[in-house]
Amino acid sequence: MRDVTVSREGKVILGPITWSVNEGERWVILGPNGAGKSTLLMLCSTKIHPTSGEVNILEEQLGKVDVFELRTRLGLTTPALISDIPYEERVMDVVLTAAYAITGRWQEDYDLWDESRALALLTTLGVRELGERLFGSLSEGEKKRVLIARALMADPELLLLDEPAAGLDLGGREDLLRRLENLAIDPLSPATIIVTHHIEEIPVGTTHALLLSKAKPIASGLISDVVTSENLSAAYGLTIAVTTEGGRYFARAL
């Protein structure tokens, strides 16, 4: 992104921001409510275009590319996606249909390789046994793991996860973070961008961080340089102490 801004009704809700993500990097986007995190992820997923500036995704410039073709190269999961999937959709089909970047099985053809990959991804995310269940009957944590498997189905070059651990209980969160850690340390995994409100939900293996506040970047770079007491205090407007343990980050207000 080069000098990117996004405006709505005359108000700038993101930017100006210049930012880049490279192959093999694992990013987390942090910041208070209204900081522009979701807007930034919508740009990355081609759901919106910038008001000004230039956005290039996988060497394609927004505004000069067919976004429907570009989206087949992206893996995306957001809370909003849950409501787009029919209650009665079979879990295996939720994952399979990602190959066509659609929701809802229709008349597509899938071969044995597709089914094997979908089953392997469900296994990786710990929900293999749910393959024949109806998506709407799953718990919140189960749905999120299925959606991450779906996001990986098309072998994306860029993986975008919007608050993957939000709303989960302690056990569900820790289980999901352990699986995201395994993805992060796998050199064959795509470049990843995770949006979260809580630094406790940053998976081990995350390499870089972008901290936003009031629609603008506060800090960007290596995670150890960005997720600090000083930077978080500036972003949130109160004194925050950041500690680390075993590659995990924790914060509390003083």
C-alpha atoms as a PDB file:
ATOM      1  CA  MET A   1       0.000   0.000   0.000  1.00  0.00           C
ATOM      2  CA  ARG A   2       1.315   3.432  -0.975  1.00  0.00           C
ATOM      3  CA  ASP A   3      -0.192   6.574   0.589  1.00  0.00           C
ATOM      4  CA  VAL A   4      -3.556   4.831   0.948  1.00  0.00           C
ATOM      5  CA  THR A   5      -6.610   6.476   2.486  1.00  0.00           C
ATOM      6  CA  VAL A   6     -10.208   5.312   2.825  1.00  0.00           C
ATOM      7  CA  SER A   7     -12.915   7.912   3.415  1.00  0.00           C
ATOM      8  CA  ARG A   8     -16.622   7.600   4.148  1.00  0.00           C
ATOM      9  CA  GLU A   9     -19.019  10.560   4.159  1.00  0.00           C
ATOM     10  CA  GLY A  10     -16.078  12.945   4.077  1.00  0.00           C
ATOM     11  CA  LYS A  11     -14.319  11.361   7.060  1.00  0.00           C
ATOM     12  CA  VAL A  12     -11.028   9.496   6.762  1.00  0.00           C
ATOM     13  CA  ILE A  13     -11.462   6.078   8.411  1.00  0.00           C
ATOM     14  CA  LEU A  14      -8.029   4.767   7.420  1.00  0.00           C
ATOM     15  CA  GLY A  15      -4.779   6.403   6.466  1.00  0.00           C
ATOM     16  CA  PRO A  16      -2.713   7.741   5.105  1.00  0.00           C
ATOM     17  CA  ILE A  17      -0.814   4.459   5.288  1.00  0.00           C
ATOM     18  CA  THR A  18       2.144   2.999   3.414  1.00  0.00           C
ATOM     19  CA  TRP A  19       2.676  -0.659   4.282  1.00  0.00           C
ATOM     20  CA  SER A  20       3.948  -3.890   2.752  1.00  0.00           C
ATOM     21  CA  VAL A  21       3.740  -7.603   3.538  1.00  0.00           C
ATOM     22  CA  ASN A  22       6.293  -9.975   2.052  1.00  0.00           C
ATOM     23  CA  GLU A  23       6.275 -13.673   1.331  1.00  0.00           C
ATOM     24  CA  GLY A  24       6.826 -15.820   4.419  1.00  0.00           C
ATOM     25  CA  GLU A  25       5.859 -13.090   6.901  1.00  0.00           C
ATOM     26  CA  ARG A  26       3.230 -13.565   9.620  1.00  0.00           C
ATOM     27  CA  TRP A  27       1.560 -10.270  10.558  1.00  0.00           C
ATOM     28  CA  VAL A  28      -0.844  -9.203  13.268  1.00  0.00           C
ATOM     29  CA  ILE A  29      -2.854  -5.956  13.088  1.00  0.00           C
ATOM     30  CA  LEU A  30      -3.677  -4.403  16.459  1.00  0.00           C
ATOM     31  CA  GLY A  31      -5.440  -1.289  17.689  1.00  0.00           C
ATOM     32  CA  PRO A  32      -8.449   0.112  19.552  1.00  0.00           C
ATOM     33  CA  ASN A  33     -12.018  -0.050  18.252  1.00  0.00           C
ATOM     34  CA  GLY A  34     -12.400   2.274  15.289  1.00  0.00           C
ATOM     35  CA  ALA A  35      -8.684   2.330  14.539  1.00  0.00           C
ATOM     36  CA  GLY A  36      -9.176   1.022  10.997  1.00  0.00           C
ATOM     37  CA  LYS A  37      -8.220  -2.639  11.426  1.00  0.00           C
ATOM     38  CA  SER A  38     -11.266  -4.117   9.676  1.00  0.00           C
ATOM     39  CA  THR A  39     -11.089  -1.497   6.919  1.00  0.00           C
ATOM     40  CA  LEU A  40      -7.470  -2.452   6.278  1.00  0.00           C
ATOM     41  CA  LEU A  41      -8.372  -6.133   6.072  1.00  0.00           C
ATOM     42  CA  MET A  42     -11.216  -5.334   3.653  1.00  0.00           C
ATOM     43  CA  LEU A  43      -8.665  -3.651   1.395  1.00  0.00           C
ATOM     44  CA  CYS A  44      -6.377  -6.689   1.623  1.00  0.00           C
ATOM     45  CA  SER A  45      -9.273  -8.992   0.716  1.00  0.00           C
ATOM     46  CA  THR A  46     -10.371  -6.793  -2.260  1.00  0.00           C
ATOM     47  CA  LYS A  47     -13.774  -6.153  -0.668  1.00  0.00           C
ATOM     48  CA  ILE A  48     -13.270  -2.384  -0.966  1.00  0.00           C
ATOM     49  CA  HIS A  49     -11.056  -0.017  -2.963  1.00  0.00           C
ATOM     50  CA  PRO A  50      -9.029   2.885  -1.549  1.00  0.00           C
ATOM     51  CA  THR A  51     -10.286   6.452  -1.816  1.00  0.00           C
ATOM     52  CA  SER A  52      -6.756   7.503  -2.726  1.00  0.00           C
ATOM     53  CA  GLY A  53      -3.376   5.855  -3.039  1.00  0.00           C
ATOM     54  CA  GLU A  54      -2.361   2.554  -4.583  1.00  0.00           C
ATOM     55  CA  VAL A  55      -2.984  -0.993  -3.344  1.00  0.00           C
ATOM     56  CA  ASN A  56      -1.134  -3.922  -4.947  1.00  0.00           C
ATOM     57  CA  ILE A  57      -2.084  -7.459  -3.926  1.00  0.00           C
ATOM     58  CA  LEU A  58      -0.075 -10.400  -5.271  1.00  0.00           C
ATOM     59  CA  GLU A  59       1.426  -8.051  -7.850  1.00  0.00           C
ATOM     60  CA  GLU A  60      -2.010  -6.936  -9.074  1.00  0.00           C
ATOM     61  CA  GLN A  61      -3.255  -3.370  -8.604  1.00  0.00           C
ATOM     62  CA  LEU A  62      -6.754  -2.831  -7.256  1.00  0.00           C
ATOM     63  CA  GLY A  63      -8.820  -1.050  -9.872  1.00  0.00           C
ATOM     64  CA  LYS A  64      -6.891  -2.678 -12.713  1.00  0.00           C
ATOM     65  CA  VAL A  65      -7.620  -6.350 -12.051  1.00  0.00           C
ATOM     66  CA  ASP A  66     -10.642  -8.666 -11.978  1.00  0.00           C
ATOM     67  CA  VAL A  67     -11.091  -8.986  -8.208  1.00  0.00           C
ATOM     68  CA  PHE A  68     -13.142 -12.163  -8.592  1.00  0.00           C
ATOM     69  CA  GLU A  69     -10.141 -13.898 -10.130  1.00  0.00           C
ATOM     70  CA  LEU A  70      -7.787 -12.403  -7.547  1.00  0.00           C
ATOM     71  CA  ARG A  71      -9.969 -13.622  -4.678  1.00  0.00           C
ATOM     72  CA  THR A  72      -9.354 -17.250  -5.673  1.00  0.00           C
ATOM     73  CA  ARG A  73      -5.719 -16.661  -4.641  1.00  0.00           C
ATOM     74  CA  LEU A  74      -6.692 -15.360  -1.189  1.00  0.00           C
ATOM     75  CA  GLY A  75      -7.826 -17.225   1.903  1.00  0.00           C
ATOM     76  CA  LEU A  76     -10.231 -15.225   4.058  1.00  0.00           C
ATOM     77  CA  THR A  77     -12.224 -15.833   7.193  1.00  0.00           C
ATOM     78  CA  THR A  78     -14.309 -13.175   8.955  1.00  0.00           C
ATOM     79  CA  PRO A  79     -17.143 -13.295  11.520  1.00  0.00           C
ATOM     80  CA  ALA A  80     -19.488 -12.061   8.762  1.00  0.00           C
ATOM     81  CA  LEU A  81     -18.770 -15.165   6.684  1.00  0.00           C
ATOM     82  CA  ILE A  82     -20.532 -17.357   9.240  1.00  0.00           C
ATOM     83  CA  SER A  83     -23.902 -15.789   8.425  1.00  0.00           C
ATOM     84  CA  ASP A  84     -23.325 -16.276   4.678  1.00  0.00           C
ATOM     85  CA  ILE A  85     -23.108 -20.066   4.956  1.00  0.00           C
ATOM     86  CA  PRO A  86     -26.435 -21.963   4.932  1.00  0.00           C
ATOM     87  CA  TYR A  87     -27.307 -23.671   8.223  1.00  0.00           C
ATOM     88  CA  GLU A  88     -27.843 -26.996   6.462  1.00  0.00           C
ATOM     89  CA  GLU A  89     -24.552 -26.945   4.540  1.00  0.00           C
ATOM     90  CA  ARG A  90     -22.435 -30.030   5.202  1.00  0.00           C
ATOM     91  CA  VAL A  91     -19.083 -29.175   6.816  1.00  0.00           C
ATOM     92  CA  MET A  92     -17.144 -30.953   4.061  1.00  0.00           C
ATOM     93  CA  ASP A  93     -18.983 -28.850   1.478  1.00  0.00           C
ATOM     94  CA  VAL A  94     -18.216 -25.648   3.385  1.00  0.00           C
ATOM     95  CA  VAL A  95     -14.535 -26.419   2.876  1.00  0.00           C
ATOM     96  CA  LEU A  96     -14.826 -27.793  -0.673  1.00  0.00           C
ATOM     97  CA  THR A  97     -16.696 -24.790  -2.095  1.00  0.00           C
ATOM     98  CA  ALA A  98     -13.736 -22.549  -1.253  1.00  0.00           C
ATOM     99  CA  ALA A  99     -12.075 -23.989  -4.368  1.00  0.00           C
ATOM    100  CA  TYR A 100     -14.583 -21.905  -6.380  1.00  0.00           C
ATOM    101  CA  ALA A 101     -14.600 -18.964  -3.909  1.00  0.00           C
ATOM    102  CA  ILE A 102     -18.321 -19.473  -3.284  1.00  0.00           C
ATOM    103  CA  THR A 103     -20.556 -20.387  -0.357  1.00  0.00           C
ATOM    104  CA  GLY A 104     -23.265 -23.009  -0.791  1.00  0.00           C
ATOM    105  CA  ARG A 105     -22.806 -26.217  -2.772  1.00  0.00           C
ATOM    106  CA  TRP A 106     -24.518 -26.104  -6.151  1.00  0.00           C
ATOM    107  CA  GLN A 107     -23.476 -28.101  -9.234  1.00  0.00           C
ATOM    108  CA  GLU A 108     -19.694 -27.907  -9.045  1.00  0.00           C
ATOM    109  CA  ASP A 109     -17.565 -30.985  -9.657  1.00  0.00           C
ATOM    110  CA  TYR A 110     -14.979 -32.036  -7.096  1.00  0.00           C
ATOM    111  CA  ASP A 111     -12.529 -34.879  -7.536  1.00  0.00           C
ATOM    112  CA  LEU A 112     -10.892 -37.227  -5.065  1.00  0.00           C
ATOM    113  CA  TRP A 113      -7.940 -34.848  -4.638  1.00  0.00           C
ATOM    114  CA  ASP A 114     -10.297 -32.033  -3.570  1.00  0.00           C
ATOM    115  CA  GLU A 115     -12.014 -34.264  -1.032  1.00  0.00           C
ATOM    116  CA  SER A 116      -8.698 -35.571   0.298  1.00  0.00           C
ATOM    117  CA  ARG A 117      -7.356 -32.035   0.738  1.00  0.00           C
ATOM    118  CA  ALA A 118     -10.527 -30.888   2.499  1.00  0.00           C
ATOM    119  CA  LEU A 119     -10.341 -33.855   4.862  1.00  0.00           C
ATOM    120  CA  ALA A 120      -6.643 -33.226   5.554  1.00  0.00           C
ATOM    121  CA  LEU A 121      -7.324 -29.577   6.412  1.00  0.00           C
ATOM    122  CA  LEU A 122     -10.177 -30.493   8.738  1.00  0.00           C
ATOM    123  CA  THR A 123      -7.766 -32.936  10.402  1.00  0.00           C
ATOM    124  CA  THR A 124      -5.104 -30.230  10.766  1.00  0.00           C
ATOM    125  CA  LEU A 125      -7.637 -27.950  12.451  1.00  0.00           C
ATOM    126  CA  GLY A 126      -8.867 -30.742  14.728  1.00  0.00           C
ATOM    127  CA  VAL A 127     -12.404 -31.076  13.318  1.00  0.00           C
ATOM    128  CA  ARG A 128     -12.106 -34.087  10.999  1.00  0.00           C
ATOM    129  CA  GLU A 129     -14.947 -35.894  12.774  1.00  0.00           C
ATOM    130  CA  LEU A 130     -17.333 -33.038  11.959  1.00  0.00           C
ATOM    131  CA  GLY A 131     -17.149 -33.536   8.190  1.00  0.00           C
ATOM    132  CA  GLU A 132     -20.698 -34.884   7.843  1.00  0.00           C
ATOM    133  CA  ARG A 133     -22.265 -32.509  10.383  1.00  0.00           C
ATOM    134  CA  LEU A 134     -24.391 -29.516   9.411  1.00  0.00           C
ATOM    135  CA  PHE A 135     -22.417 -26.283   9.693  1.00  0.00           C
ATOM    136  CA  GLY A 136     -25.215 -24.537  11.572  1.00  0.00           C
ATOM    137  CA  SER A 137     -25.160 -27.176  14.321  1.00  0.00           C
ATOM    138  CA  LEU A 138     -21.523 -26.501  15.282  1.00  0.00           C
ATOM    139  CA  SER A 139     -20.275 -24.526  18.254  1.00  0.00           C
ATOM    140  CA  GLU A 140     -18.643 -21.128  17.740  1.00  0.00           C
ATOM    141  CA  GLY A 141     -15.153 -22.587  18.104  1.00  0.00           C
ATOM    142  CA  GLU A 142     -15.882 -25.451  15.728  1.00  0.00           C
ATOM    143  CA  LYS A 143     -17.219 -23.047  13.102  1.00  0.00           C
ATOM    144  CA  LYS A 144     -14.089 -20.917  13.290  1.00  0.00           C
ATOM    145  CA  ARG A 145     -11.803 -23.890  12.804  1.00  0.00           C
ATOM    146  CA  VAL A 146     -13.884 -25.080   9.844  1.00  0.00           C
ATOM    147  CA  LEU A 147     -13.677 -21.606   8.285  1.00  0.00           C
ATOM    148  CA  ILE A 148      -9.886 -21.558   8.635  1.00  0.00           C
ATOM    149  CA  ALA A 149      -9.759 -24.950   6.909  1.00  0.00           C
ATOM    150  CA  ARG A 150     -11.950 -23.421   4.202  1.00  0.00           C
ATOM    151  CA  ALA A 151      -9.625 -20.431   3.886  1.00  0.00           C
ATOM    152  CA  LEU A 152      -6.684 -22.792   3.260  1.00  0.00           C
ATOM    153  CA  MET A 153      -8.562 -25.026   0.800  1.00  0.00           C
ATOM    154  CA  ALA A 154      -7.571 -23.181  -2.379  1.00  0.00           C
ATOM    155  CA  ASP A 155      -3.876 -23.157  -1.370  1.00  0.00           C
ATOM    156  CA  PRO A 156      -3.913 -19.351  -1.034  1.00  0.00           C
ATOM    157  CA  GLU A 157      -0.895 -17.116  -1.494  1.00  0.00           C
ATOM    158  CA  LEU A 158      -2.185 -14.788   1.239  1.00  0.00           C
ATOM    159  CA  LEU A 159      -4.190 -15.839   4.320  1.00  0.00           C
ATOM    160  CA  LEU A 160      -6.400 -13.238   6.048  1.00  0.00           C
ATOM    161  CA  LEU A 161      -7.932 -14.021   9.455  1.00  0.00           C
ATOM    162  CA  ASP A 162     -10.256 -11.498  11.125  1.00  0.00           C
ATOM    163  CA  GLU A 163     -10.400 -12.082  14.892  1.00  0.00           C
ATOM    164  CA  PRO A 164     -10.120 -15.886  14.640  1.00  0.00           C
ATOM    165  CA  ALA A 165     -10.125 -16.385  18.437  1.00  0.00           C
ATOM    166  CA  ALA A 166     -12.836 -13.839  19.348  1.00  0.00           C
ATOM    167  CA  GLY A 167     -15.712 -15.242  21.382  1.00  0.00           C
ATOM    168  CA  LEU A 168     -14.012 -18.535  22.214  1.00  0.00           C
ATOM    169  CA  ASP A 169     -13.709 -19.890  25.728  1.00  0.00           C
ATOM    170  CA  LEU A 170     -10.256 -20.421  27.210  1.00  0.00           C
ATOM    171  CA  GLY A 171      -9.923 -24.016  26.022  1.00  0.00           C
ATOM    172  CA  GLY A 172     -11.146 -23.233  22.531  1.00  0.00           C
ATOM    173  CA  ARG A 173      -8.867 -20.209  22.238  1.00  0.00           C
ATOM    174  CA  GLU A 174      -5.751 -22.038  23.357  1.00  0.00           C
ATOM    175  CA  ASP A 175      -6.459 -24.995  21.082  1.00  0.00           C
ATOM    176  CA  LEU A 176      -6.949 -22.692  18.087  1.00  0.00           C
ATOM    177  CA  LEU A 177      -3.808 -20.672  18.879  1.00  0.00           C
ATOM    178  CA  ARG A 178      -1.777 -23.878  19.045  1.00  0.00           C
ATOM    179  CA  ARG A 179      -3.001 -24.836  15.568  1.00  0.00           C
ATOM    180  CA  LEU A 180      -2.302 -21.349  14.220  1.00  0.00           C
ATOM    181  CA  GLU A 181       1.181 -21.622  15.711  1.00  0.00           C
ATOM    182  CA  ASN A 182       1.745 -24.818  13.711  1.00  0.00           C
ATOM    183  CA  LEU A 183       0.696 -22.956  10.562  1.00  0.00           C
ATOM    184  CA  ALA A 184       2.948 -20.012  11.398  1.00  0.00           C
ATOM    185  CA  ILE A 185       6.081 -22.121  11.746  1.00  0.00           C
ATOM    186  CA  ASP A 186       5.375 -24.137   8.582  1.00  0.00           C
ATOM    187  CA  PRO A 187       7.593 -22.647   5.820  1.00  0.00           C
ATOM    188  CA  LEU A 188       5.056 -23.786   3.212  1.00  0.00           C
ATOM    189  CA  SER A 189       2.225 -21.773   4.780  1.00  0.00           C
ATOM    190  CA  PRO A 190       1.168 -18.595   2.966  1.00  0.00           C
ATOM    191  CA  ALA A 191       1.918 -15.093   4.178  1.00  0.00           C
ATOM    192  CA  THR A 192      -0.608 -14.397   6.931  1.00  0.00           C
ATOM    193  CA  ILE A 193      -2.383 -11.338   8.304  1.00  0.00           C
ATOM    194  CA  ILE A 194      -4.393 -11.693  11.524  1.00  0.00           C
ATOM    195  CA  VAL A 195      -6.571  -8.952  13.008  1.00  0.00           C
ATOM    196  CA  THR A 196      -7.209  -9.094  16.743  1.00  0.00           C
ATOM    197  CA  HIS A 197      -8.185  -6.825  19.632  1.00  0.00           C
ATOM    198  CA  HIS A 198      -6.116  -8.716  22.204  1.00  0.00           C
ATOM    199  CA  ILE A 199      -2.373  -9.339  22.194  1.00  0.00           C
ATOM    200  CA  GLU A 200      -3.022 -12.526  24.173  1.00  0.00           C
ATOM    201  CA  GLU A 201      -4.513 -13.914  20.943  1.00  0.00           C
ATOM    202  CA  ILE A 202      -1.346 -13.456  18.881  1.00  0.00           C
ATOM    203  CA  PRO A 203      -0.081 -16.918  17.868  1.00  0.00           C
ATOM    204  CA  VAL A 204       3.502 -17.897  18.602  1.00  0.00           C
ATOM    205  CA  GLY A 205       5.463 -17.594  15.376  1.00  0.00           C
ATOM    206  CA  THR A 206       3.995 -14.223  14.384  1.00  0.00           C
ATOM    207  CA  THR A 207       6.882 -12.234  12.905  1.00  0.00           C
ATOM    208  CA  HIS A 208       5.539  -8.690  12.370  1.00  0.00           C
ATOM    209  CA  ALA A 209       2.950  -6.318  13.790  1.00  0.00           C
ATOM    210  CA  LEU A 210       1.103  -3.201  12.662  1.00  0.00           C
ATOM    211  CA  LEU A 211      -0.387  -1.009  15.383  1.00  0.00           C
ATOM    212  CA  LEU A 212      -3.152   1.420  14.390  1.00  0.00           C
ATOM    213  CA  SER A 213      -4.786   4.224  16.328  1.00  0.00           C
ATOM    214  CA  LYS A 214      -7.265   6.840  15.119  1.00  0.00           C
ATOM    215  CA  ALA A 215      -7.049   5.459  11.561  1.00  0.00           C
ATOM    216  CA  LYS A 216      -3.268   5.868  11.331  1.00  0.00           C
ATOM    217  CA  PRO A 217      -0.271   3.605  11.960  1.00  0.00           C
ATOM    218  CA  ILE A 218       1.477   4.080  15.301  1.00  0.00           C
ATOM    219  CA  ALA A 219       4.194   1.509  14.680  1.00  0.00           C
ATOM    220  CA  SER A 220       5.007  -1.175  12.116  1.00  0.00           C
ATOM    221  CA  GLY A 221       7.757  -3.778  11.842  1.00  0.00           C
ATOM    222  CA  LEU A 222       9.142  -6.718  13.772  1.00  0.00           C
ATOM    223  CA  ILE A 223       6.674  -7.777  16.456  1.00  0.00           C
ATOM    224  CA  SER A 224       9.202  -7.367  19.273  1.00  0.00           C
ATOM    225  CA  ASP A 225       9.721  -3.742  18.245  1.00  0.00           C
ATOM    226  CA  VAL A 226       6.027  -2.917  17.866  1.00  0.00           C
ATOM    227  CA  VAL A 227       4.233  -4.715  20.703  1.00  0.00           C
ATOM    228  CA  THR A 228       5.781  -2.756  23.560  1.00  0.00           C
ATOM    229  CA  SER A 229       4.443  -1.000  26.633  1.00  0.00           C
ATOM    230  CA  GLU A 230       5.301   2.387  25.130  1.00  0.00           C
ATOM    231  CA  ASN A 231       3.564   1.787  21.798  1.00  0.00           C
ATOM    232  CA  LEU A 232       0.411   0.230  23.263  1.00  0.00           C
ATOM    233  CA  SER A 233       0.151   3.019  25.841  1.00  0.00           C
ATOM    234  CA  ALA A 234       0.278   5.576  23.038  1.00  0.00           C
ATOM    235  CA  ALA A 235      -2.292   3.723  20.930  1.00  0.00           C
ATOM    236  CA  TYR A 236      -4.837   3.176  23.707  1.00  0.00           C
ATOM    237  CA  GLY A 237      -4.317   6.377  25.659  1.00  0.00           C
ATOM    238  CA  LEU A 238      -3.567   4.743  29.009  1.00  0.00           C
ATOM    239  CA  THR A 239      -0.551   3.237  30.709  1.00  0.00           C
ATOM    240  CA  ILE A 240      -0.184  -0.394  29.651  1.00  0.00           C
ATOM    241  CA  ALA A 241       2.455  -2.895  30.712  1.00  0.00           C
ATOM    242  CA  VAL A 242       3.362  -5.579  28.173  1.00  0.00           C
ATOM    243  CA  THR A 243       5.003  -8.834  29.220  1.00  0.00           C
ATOM    244  CA  THR A 244       6.076 -11.893  27.240  1.00  0.00           C
ATOM    245  CA  GLU A 245       6.287 -15.565  28.124  1.00  0.00           C
ATOM    246  CA  GLY A 246       7.065 -18.488  25.847  1.00  0.00           C
ATOM    247  CA  GLY A 247       6.606 -16.368  22.741  1.00  0.00           C
ATOM    248  CA  ARG A 248       3.184 -15.107  23.876  1.00  0.00           C
ATOM    249  CA  TYR A 249       2.274 -11.501  24.686  1.00  0.00           C
ATOM    250  CA  PHE A 250       0.207 -10.244  27.625  1.00  0.00           C
ATOM    251  CA  ALA A 251      -0.998  -6.769  28.589  1.00  0.00           C
ATOM    252  CA  ARG A 252      -2.514  -5.081  31.618  1.00  0.00           C
ATOM    253  CA  ALA A 253      -3.355  -1.484  32.468  1.00  0.00           C
ATOM    254  CA  LEU A 254      -1.404   0.151  35.298  1.00  0.00           C
END
